[in-house]
Amino acid sequence: MVGYDPRMISDVDLLDSYSRAVISVVESVGPAVVGVSGVGTGMLITPDGYALTNSHVVSAVKTYELTLRDGSSLKAELVGKDPHTDLAVLRASGAGLPHARLGDSSRLQVGQLVVAIGHPFGFQSTVTTGVVSAVGRTMRAQSGRTIENIIQTDAALNPGNSGGPLVDTRGQVVGINTAIIAMAQGICFAVPSNTAQRVVSVLIRDGRVVRSYLGITGETWPIHRRVNRYYHLEQDSGVRIAHVDPNGPAQQAGLKTEDVLVSLATHTIKDVDDLQHFLTDWPVGIPAEAQVLRGTELLKQTIIPVELKS
């Protein structure tokens, strides 16, 4: 064949495979994506009208309306919001509505393909693609609290994308788009779906999230195998304390930066997710024994969490 180049065939096949993956995601998740009162994006997460979006989106308006992909609208009410994770839940009346499913964000890998769907600048059902640029980032919420395990992506996001889904190629929502860096290109952030699953269940049940507060910022940190064996620990990682708030519960209990937190009240703390889960569930004001590694020494300190304020 004159002019035949086998590389052209492989390039076309590759493009088709990529396109098919994106199209499949849009077909499965797109119908669940809604505009929120013209200021942001959300997604239906149950067939009876519960919708997930950003706290800063619902705080920007006083009445709520969800616009579906077919142009129809549903009046909605605020179920609850959590400024500390920038998440909120709305409820619209309906049945048999299209809905998206939250996946497992802990399985995300750097370089993995992701798709963002949203309503930037009011342009309905806009689709962009990119990769997971990094995981485990931290970001300040508008409340001032540090949100841990943030996903960084280069999928093109703009004002109005806030609250929309970040989706993997299996059609699982792995993040809720929350922020962009206005002066940068390709640096955008999403709250991980594992955080969202915990927050959503509490908001639907209670309307608000009451959290215990220790006054630390940390990161997941490996524990040396010899230390692990010596103390018979049931984990190979903990949370290394990067910052201790002055006069906070952690400082009052004697915890220091570079300590590695391994348990709280017999709850194993392997990573930041474990720590946040504990703080969401543990009652305010109830003492908890903290085990920390300071160098190669295992210490036990009693810490009394206080309520995290907005």
Protein backbone atom coordinates (compact mmCIF):
# COMPACT_ATOMS: atom_id res chain seq x y z
CA MET A 1 0.00 0.00 0.00
CA VAL A 2 1.48 3.33 -1.06
CA GLY A 3 2.17 5.63 1.87
CA TYR A 4 1.17 3.04 4.47
CA ASP A 5 2.53 3.83 7.93
CA PRO A 6 1.64 1.37 10.71
CA ARG A 7 2.20 4.12 13.28
CA MET A 8 -0.83 5.97 11.92
CA ILE A 9 -3.05 2.98 12.64
CA SER A 10 -1.82 2.65 16.22
CA ASP A 11 -2.27 6.38 16.82
CA VAL A 12 -5.85 6.22 15.59
CA ASP A 13 -6.56 3.15 17.71
CA LEU A 14 -5.09 4.87 20.75
CA LEU A 15 -7.17 7.98 20.20
CA ASP A 16 -10.31 5.91 19.75
CA SER A 17 -9.63 4.05 22.98
CA TYR A 18 -9.11 7.31 24.84
CA SER A 19 -12.23 8.82 23.30
CA ARG A 20 -14.32 5.78 24.12
CA ALA A 21 -13.24 5.94 27.76
CA VAL A 22 -14.21 9.61 28.07
CA ILE A 23 -17.51 9.15 26.23
CA SER A 24 -18.41 6.22 28.47
CA VAL A 25 -17.79 8.34 31.59
CA VAL A 26 -19.88 11.21 30.25
CA GLU A 27 -22.75 8.91 29.34
CA SER A 28 -22.81 7.26 32.77
CA VAL A 29 -22.19 10.26 35.04
CA GLY A 30 -23.26 13.25 32.91
CA PRO A 31 -27.02 12.92 33.53
CA ALA A 32 -26.42 13.17 37.30
CA VAL A 33 -24.51 16.46 37.05
CA VAL A 34 -26.59 19.55 37.85
CA GLY A 35 -26.16 23.28 37.86
CA VAL A 36 -26.68 24.86 41.29
CA SER A 37 -28.56 28.18 41.21
CA GLY A 38 -26.34 29.47 38.41
CA VAL A 39 -23.27 29.76 40.64
CA GLY A 40 -21.79 26.29 40.64
CA THR A 41 -22.14 22.59 39.95
CA GLY A 42 -23.40 19.63 41.91
CA MET A 43 -24.29 16.01 41.34
CA LEU A 44 -27.23 13.89 42.33
CA ILE A 45 -26.07 11.00 44.51
CA THR A 46 -29.41 9.28 45.21
CA PRO A 47 -32.45 8.64 43.02
CA ASP A 48 -34.66 10.54 45.47
CA GLY A 49 -32.94 13.88 45.06
CA TYR A 50 -29.96 14.22 47.41
CA ALA A 51 -27.25 16.27 45.71
CA LEU A 52 -23.63 16.91 46.68
CA THR A 53 -21.85 20.21 46.02
CA ASN A 54 -19.42 22.64 47.68
CA SER A 55 -20.14 24.53 50.87
CA HIS A 56 -18.91 27.74 49.27
CA VAL A 57 -21.38 27.25 46.40
CA VAL A 58 -24.44 26.99 48.68
CA SER A 59 -23.16 29.89 50.78
CA ALA A 60 -23.23 32.15 47.73
CA VAL A 61 -27.03 32.04 47.34
CA LYS A 62 -30.12 31.95 49.56
CA THR A 63 -32.44 29.82 47.40
CA TYR A 64 -31.49 26.64 45.61
CA GLU A 65 -32.42 25.31 42.21
CA LEU A 66 -30.90 22.31 40.46
CA THR A 67 -30.74 22.38 36.66
CA LEU A 68 -30.58 18.97 34.98
CA ARG A 69 -28.88 18.19 31.70
CA ASP A 70 -32.20 18.21 29.82
CA GLY A 71 -32.82 21.78 30.95
CA SER A 72 -35.48 21.01 33.55
CA SER A 73 -35.16 22.47 37.03
CA LEU A 74 -35.87 21.24 40.55
CA LYS A 75 -36.32 23.37 43.65
CA ALA A 76 -34.03 22.24 46.46
CA GLU A 77 -33.45 22.80 50.15
CA LEU A 78 -30.24 22.82 52.12
CA VAL A 79 -29.75 19.65 54.16
CA GLY A 80 -26.46 20.75 55.66
CA LYS A 81 -23.01 22.09 54.91
CA ASP A 82 -19.53 21.50 56.25
CA PRO A 83 -17.21 24.48 55.61
CA HIS A 84 -14.26 22.52 57.01
CA THR A 85 -14.29 20.18 53.99
CA ASP A 86 -16.09 22.59 51.62
CA LEU A 87 -18.92 20.11 51.12
CA ALA A 88 -22.70 20.52 51.26
CA VAL A 89 -25.81 18.43 50.63
CA LEU A 90 -29.02 19.69 49.00
CA ARG A 91 -32.32 17.84 48.67
CA ALA A 92 -34.74 18.14 45.75
CA SER A 93 -38.09 16.41 45.44
CA GLY A 94 -38.00 13.60 42.94
CA ALA A 95 -37.87 9.89 42.31
CA GLY A 96 -35.95 7.76 39.86
CA LEU A 97 -33.48 10.57 39.23
CA PRO A 98 -30.13 9.85 37.55
CA HIS A 99 -27.40 9.66 40.16
CA ALA A 100 -23.65 9.20 40.40
CA ARG A 101 -21.77 6.83 42.66
CA LEU A 102 -18.88 7.80 44.92
CA GLY A 103 -15.82 5.60 44.39
CA ASP A 104 -12.70 4.83 46.42
CA SER A 105 -10.29 7.76 46.17
CA SER A 106 -7.58 5.85 48.04
CA ARG A 107 -6.98 3.80 44.90
CA LEU A 108 -6.06 6.84 42.79
CA GLN A 109 -2.61 6.86 41.23
CA VAL A 110 -0.61 9.80 39.95
CA GLY A 111 -0.92 9.93 36.16
CA GLN A 112 -4.35 8.30 36.14
CA LEU A 113 -6.86 9.68 33.63
CA VAL A 114 -9.74 11.67 35.14
CA VAL A 115 -12.73 13.50 33.69
CA ALA A 116 -14.34 16.64 35.09
CA ILE A 117 -17.94 17.58 34.31
CA GLY A 118 -19.42 20.91 35.30
CA HIS A 119 -21.08 24.21 34.46
CA PRO A 120 -18.19 26.71 34.17
CA PHE A 121 -19.38 30.28 33.54
CA GLY A 122 -22.89 28.85 33.09
CA PHE A 123 -21.93 26.66 30.11
CA GLN A 124 -23.96 23.55 30.86
CA SER A 125 -22.45 20.04 30.91
CA THR A 126 -18.91 21.03 29.97
CA VAL A 127 -16.45 18.12 29.89
CA THR A 128 -12.70 18.37 30.36
CA THR A 129 -10.06 15.70 30.87
CA GLY A 130 -6.69 15.45 32.50
CA VAL A 131 -4.65 13.33 34.86
CA VAL A 132 -4.17 13.07 38.58
CA SER A 133 -1.16 15.34 39.07
CA ALA A 134 -0.67 14.54 42.75
CA VAL A 135 -2.46 13.06 45.76
CA GLY A 136 -2.14 13.83 49.44
CA ARG A 137 -2.05 17.60 49.02
CA THR A 138 -3.34 19.90 51.76
CA MET A 139 -5.48 22.99 51.24
CA ARG A 140 -7.03 25.61 53.47
CA ALA A 141 -10.81 25.63 53.50
CA GLN A 142 -12.59 28.98 53.80
CA SER A 143 -13.09 28.12 57.48
CA GLY A 144 -9.31 28.12 57.91
CA ARG A 145 -9.11 24.37 58.59
CA THR A 146 -6.66 22.33 56.58
CA ILE A 147 -8.32 19.81 54.27
CA GLU A 148 -6.09 16.76 53.99
CA ASN A 149 -5.55 14.31 51.13
CA ILE A 150 -6.62 16.78 48.45
CA ILE A 151 -6.37 15.57 44.84
CA GLN A 152 -4.47 17.78 42.40
CA THR A 153 -5.43 17.52 38.74
CA ASP A 154 -4.65 19.31 35.49
CA ALA A 155 -8.18 18.85 34.14
CA ALA A 156 -9.23 22.33 33.02
CA LEU A 157 -11.53 23.85 35.65
CA ASN A 158 -13.03 27.32 35.76
CA PRO A 159 -15.38 29.28 38.03
CA GLY A 160 -18.66 27.38 38.05
CA ASN A 161 -16.98 23.95 38.05
CA SER A 162 -16.99 24.04 41.86
CA GLY A 163 -18.98 21.16 43.32
CA GLY A 164 -18.86 19.04 40.18
CA PRO A 165 -17.50 15.51 39.95
CA LEU A 166 -13.99 14.34 39.13
CA VAL A 167 -14.50 10.88 37.65
CA ASP A 168 -12.23 7.94 36.85
CA THR A 169 -12.55 5.85 33.69
CA ARG A 170 -14.81 3.33 35.46
CA GLY A 171 -17.41 6.03 35.99
CA GLN A 172 -16.69 6.29 39.72
CA VAL A 173 -16.66 9.77 41.26
CA VAL A 174 -13.27 10.05 42.98
CA GLY A 175 -13.33 13.74 43.87
CA ILE A 176 -15.47 16.84 44.19
CA ASN A 177 -13.90 19.76 42.38
CA THR A 178 -13.37 22.60 44.79
CA ALA A 179 -10.65 25.09 43.83
CA ILE A 180 -8.38 26.47 41.15
CA ILE A 181 -5.27 28.62 41.31
CA ALA A 182 -6.31 31.63 39.29
CA MET A 183 -2.82 32.69 38.18
CA ALA A 184 -1.71 29.18 37.22
CA GLN A 185 -2.58 26.82 34.40
CA GLY A 186 -3.40 23.18 35.06
CA ILE A 187 -3.39 23.35 38.88
CA CYS A 188 -6.81 22.44 40.25
CA PHE A 189 -7.97 20.63 43.36
CA ALA A 190 -10.69 18.22 44.41
CA VAL A 191 -11.89 16.90 47.78
CA PRO A 192 -11.45 13.09 47.78
CA SER A 193 -14.56 10.95 47.53
CA ASN A 194 -13.65 9.01 50.68
CA THR A 195 -13.88 12.25 52.66
CA ALA A 196 -17.16 13.07 50.92
CA GLN A 197 -18.72 9.71 51.79
CA ARG A 198 -18.19 10.26 55.50
CA VAL A 199 -19.33 13.88 55.47
CA VAL A 200 -22.43 13.21 53.36
CA SER A 201 -23.71 10.50 55.69
CA VAL A 202 -23.34 12.78 58.73
CA LEU A 203 -24.94 15.78 56.99
CA ILE A 204 -27.94 13.71 55.91
CA ARG A 205 -28.31 12.33 59.43
CA ASP A 206 -27.58 15.43 61.54
CA GLY A 207 -27.45 18.45 59.23
CA ARG A 208 -23.99 19.40 60.48
CA VAL A 209 -20.66 17.79 61.29
CA VAL A 210 -19.35 18.13 64.84
CA ARG A 211 -15.64 17.37 64.91
CA SER A 212 -13.14 16.86 67.64
CA TYR A 213 -10.04 19.02 67.27
CA LEU A 214 -6.50 18.13 68.30
CA GLY A 215 -4.65 21.16 66.97
CA ILE A 216 -2.28 19.35 64.61
CA THR A 217 -1.55 19.15 60.92
CA GLY A 218 -0.03 15.93 59.67
CA GLU A 219 0.88 13.67 56.79
CA THR A 220 0.94 9.92 56.25
CA TRP A 221 4.38 8.62 57.19
CA PRO A 222 6.07 5.18 56.93
CA ILE A 223 7.19 3.39 60.09
CA HIS A 224 10.53 1.59 59.96
CA ARG A 225 10.12 -2.16 59.92
CA ARG A 226 12.40 -2.69 62.92
CA VAL A 227 10.41 -0.20 65.02
CA ASN A 228 7.20 -1.85 63.87
CA ARG A 229 8.39 -5.31 64.93
CA TYR A 230 9.86 -4.10 68.24
CA TYR A 231 6.59 -2.56 69.43
CA HIS A 232 4.36 -5.17 67.74
CA LEU A 233 2.47 -2.48 65.84
CA GLU A 234 -0.33 -3.56 63.53
CA GLN A 235 0.53 -1.03 60.81
CA ASP A 236 3.40 0.06 58.61
CA SER A 237 2.53 3.77 58.66
CA GLY A 238 1.20 6.52 60.92
CA VAL A 239 0.61 10.26 60.80
CA ARG A 240 3.67 12.46 61.22
CA ILE A 241 2.84 15.74 62.97
CA ALA A 242 3.98 18.64 60.81
CA HIS A 243 2.51 21.47 62.91
CA VAL A 244 1.16 21.83 66.44
CA ASP A 245 -1.20 24.72 67.16
CA PRO A 246 -0.12 26.83 70.17
CA ASN A 247 -2.21 26.08 73.26
CA GLY A 248 -4.19 23.44 71.38
CA PRO A 249 -5.07 20.03 72.86
CA ALA A 250 -2.06 18.34 71.27
CA GLN A 251 0.42 20.84 72.66
CA GLN A 252 -1.19 20.67 76.09
CA ALA A 253 -0.83 16.88 75.95
CA GLY A 254 2.88 17.18 75.17
CA LEU A 255 2.83 16.20 71.47
CA LYS A 256 5.51 17.74 69.27
CA THR A 257 6.26 18.22 65.60
CA GLU A 258 7.82 15.14 63.98
CA ASP A 259 6.05 12.81 66.41
CA VAL A 260 4.37 10.00 64.49
CA LEU A 261 0.85 9.31 65.72
CA VAL A 262 0.03 5.58 65.58
CA SER A 263 -3.17 5.25 67.62
CA LEU A 264 -5.88 7.18 69.45
CA ALA A 265 -8.01 5.47 72.10
CA THR A 266 -7.03 2.03 70.71
CA HIS A 267 -8.05 3.14 67.17
CA THR A 268 -5.18 2.45 64.78
CA ILE A 269 -4.09 5.57 62.89
CA LYS A 270 -2.38 4.47 59.68
CA ASP A 271 -2.98 7.59 57.61
CA VAL A 272 -4.67 10.97 57.49
CA ASP A 273 -8.00 9.36 56.53
CA ASP A 274 -7.93 7.32 59.75
CA LEU A 275 -7.20 10.46 61.78
CA GLN A 276 -10.04 12.44 60.20
CA HIS A 277 -12.42 9.53 60.62
CA PHE A 278 -11.54 9.34 64.31
CA LEU A 279 -12.03 13.08 64.83
CA THR A 280 -15.45 12.94 63.18
CA ASP A 281 -16.61 10.05 65.39
CA TRP A 282 -14.90 10.70 68.73
CA PRO A 283 -16.97 12.79 71.20
CA VAL A 284 -15.72 16.26 72.09
CA GLY A 285 -14.25 16.52 75.60
CA ILE A 286 -13.69 12.80 76.10
CA PRO A 287 -10.03 11.98 76.89
CA ALA A 288 -8.23 9.71 74.46
CA GLU A 289 -4.88 8.00 74.87
CA ALA A 290 -2.55 8.91 72.04
CA GLN A 291 0.39 6.67 71.14
CA VAL A 292 3.19 8.42 69.28
CA LEU A 293 6.62 7.46 68.07
CA ARG A 294 9.23 10.04 68.98
CA GLY A 295 12.29 8.82 67.20
CA THR A 296 12.37 5.15 68.18
CA GLU A 297 10.56 5.63 71.50
CA LEU A 298 6.86 4.82 71.83
CA LEU A 299 5.11 7.32 74.12
CA LYS A 300 1.59 7.44 75.54
CA GLN A 301 -0.09 10.78 76.19
CA THR A 302 -3.66 11.61 77.19
CA ILE A 303 -5.25 14.19 74.95
CA ILE A 304 -8.66 15.86 75.40
CA PRO A 305 -10.16 16.93 72.06
CA VAL A 306 -12.19 20.14 71.86
CA GLU A 307 -14.83 21.06 69.29
CA LEU A 308 -13.55 22.34 65.97
CA LYS A 309 -15.17 25.72 65.38
CA SER A 310 -16.04 27.22 61.99
